[in-house]
Protein backbone atom coordinates (compact mmCIF):
# COMPACT_ATOMS: atom_id res chain seq x y z
CA MET A 1 39.43 13.92 29.43
CA ARG A 2 37.20 15.66 26.90
CA ALA A 3 35.95 14.00 23.75
CA GLN A 4 37.74 15.11 20.61
CA LYS A 5 35.76 17.78 18.77
CA SER A 6 34.87 17.33 15.11
CA LYS A 7 36.67 19.51 12.59
CA LYS A 8 33.50 21.47 11.84
CA ASN A 9 32.96 24.80 13.57
CA THR A 10 30.41 24.50 16.32
CA LYS A 11 28.36 26.88 18.46
CA THR A 12 27.19 26.40 22.01
CA PHE A 13 24.07 27.92 23.54
CA PRO A 14 22.10 27.29 26.72
CA LEU A 15 18.81 25.51 26.28
CA GLU A 16 16.15 25.82 28.94
CA ILE A 17 13.40 23.21 28.78
CA GLU A 18 10.66 22.18 31.17
CA ASP A 19 11.30 19.16 33.42
CA ASP A 20 8.62 17.06 31.71
CA LEU A 21 10.10 17.58 28.27
CA HIS A 22 13.60 16.85 29.57
CA LYS A 23 12.36 13.58 31.03
CA GLN A 24 10.63 12.62 27.77
CA LEU A 25 13.78 13.38 25.79
CA ARG A 26 15.97 11.38 28.22
CA ILE A 27 13.66 8.37 27.86
CA LYS A 28 13.62 8.70 24.06
CA ALA A 29 17.42 8.91 24.01
CA ILE A 30 17.71 5.76 26.11
CA GLU A 31 15.24 3.93 23.86
CA GLU A 32 17.31 4.90 20.80
CA ASP A 33 20.60 4.10 22.58
CA LYS A 34 21.80 7.69 22.12
CA THR A 35 23.04 10.47 24.34
CA LEU A 36 20.61 13.29 25.05
CA HIS A 37 22.92 15.57 23.11
CA SER A 38 23.00 13.39 19.99
CA LEU A 39 19.22 12.90 20.09
CA ILE A 40 18.64 16.66 20.15
CA ILE A 41 21.20 17.33 17.39
CA ASP A 42 19.81 14.52 15.20
CA THR A 43 16.22 15.76 15.73
CA LEU A 44 17.09 19.35 14.91
CA SER A 45 19.06 18.28 11.82
CA ALA A 46 16.18 16.14 10.58
CA ARG A 47 13.73 18.97 11.11
CA VAL A 48 15.85 21.44 9.13
CA GLN A 49 16.24 18.91 6.28
CA GLU A 50 12.48 18.39 5.97
CA GLU A 51 11.66 22.09 5.98
CA PRO A 52 14.63 24.16 4.83
CA ALA A 53 14.75 27.81 5.80
CA THR A 54 13.15 30.12 3.26
CA TYR A 55 15.83 32.80 3.60
CA GLY A 56 19.29 32.70 2.04
CA VAL A 57 22.20 31.63 4.14
CA ARG A 58 25.65 32.76 3.05
CA LYS A 59 28.19 29.95 2.95
CA THR A 60 31.52 30.40 4.67
CA ASN A 61 34.81 30.00 2.79
CA GLU A 62 35.28 26.61 4.46
CA GLU A 63 31.92 25.34 3.14
CA THR A 64 32.61 26.44 -0.40
CA ALA A 65 36.11 24.87 -0.55
């Protein structure tokens, strides 16, 4: 059975990383009691929040409602 998706639109893309980095991320996820997926998403989200993009991003109708 698949986990229920959130109501937000999501995108999927393949991510190729070296074995050593994968191992480090797995260990970090275990230390933080997270899945590898949630660790990567949380890390990317935090990075974007600390240094927002300098170009304009158009909001979708759903985001402006």
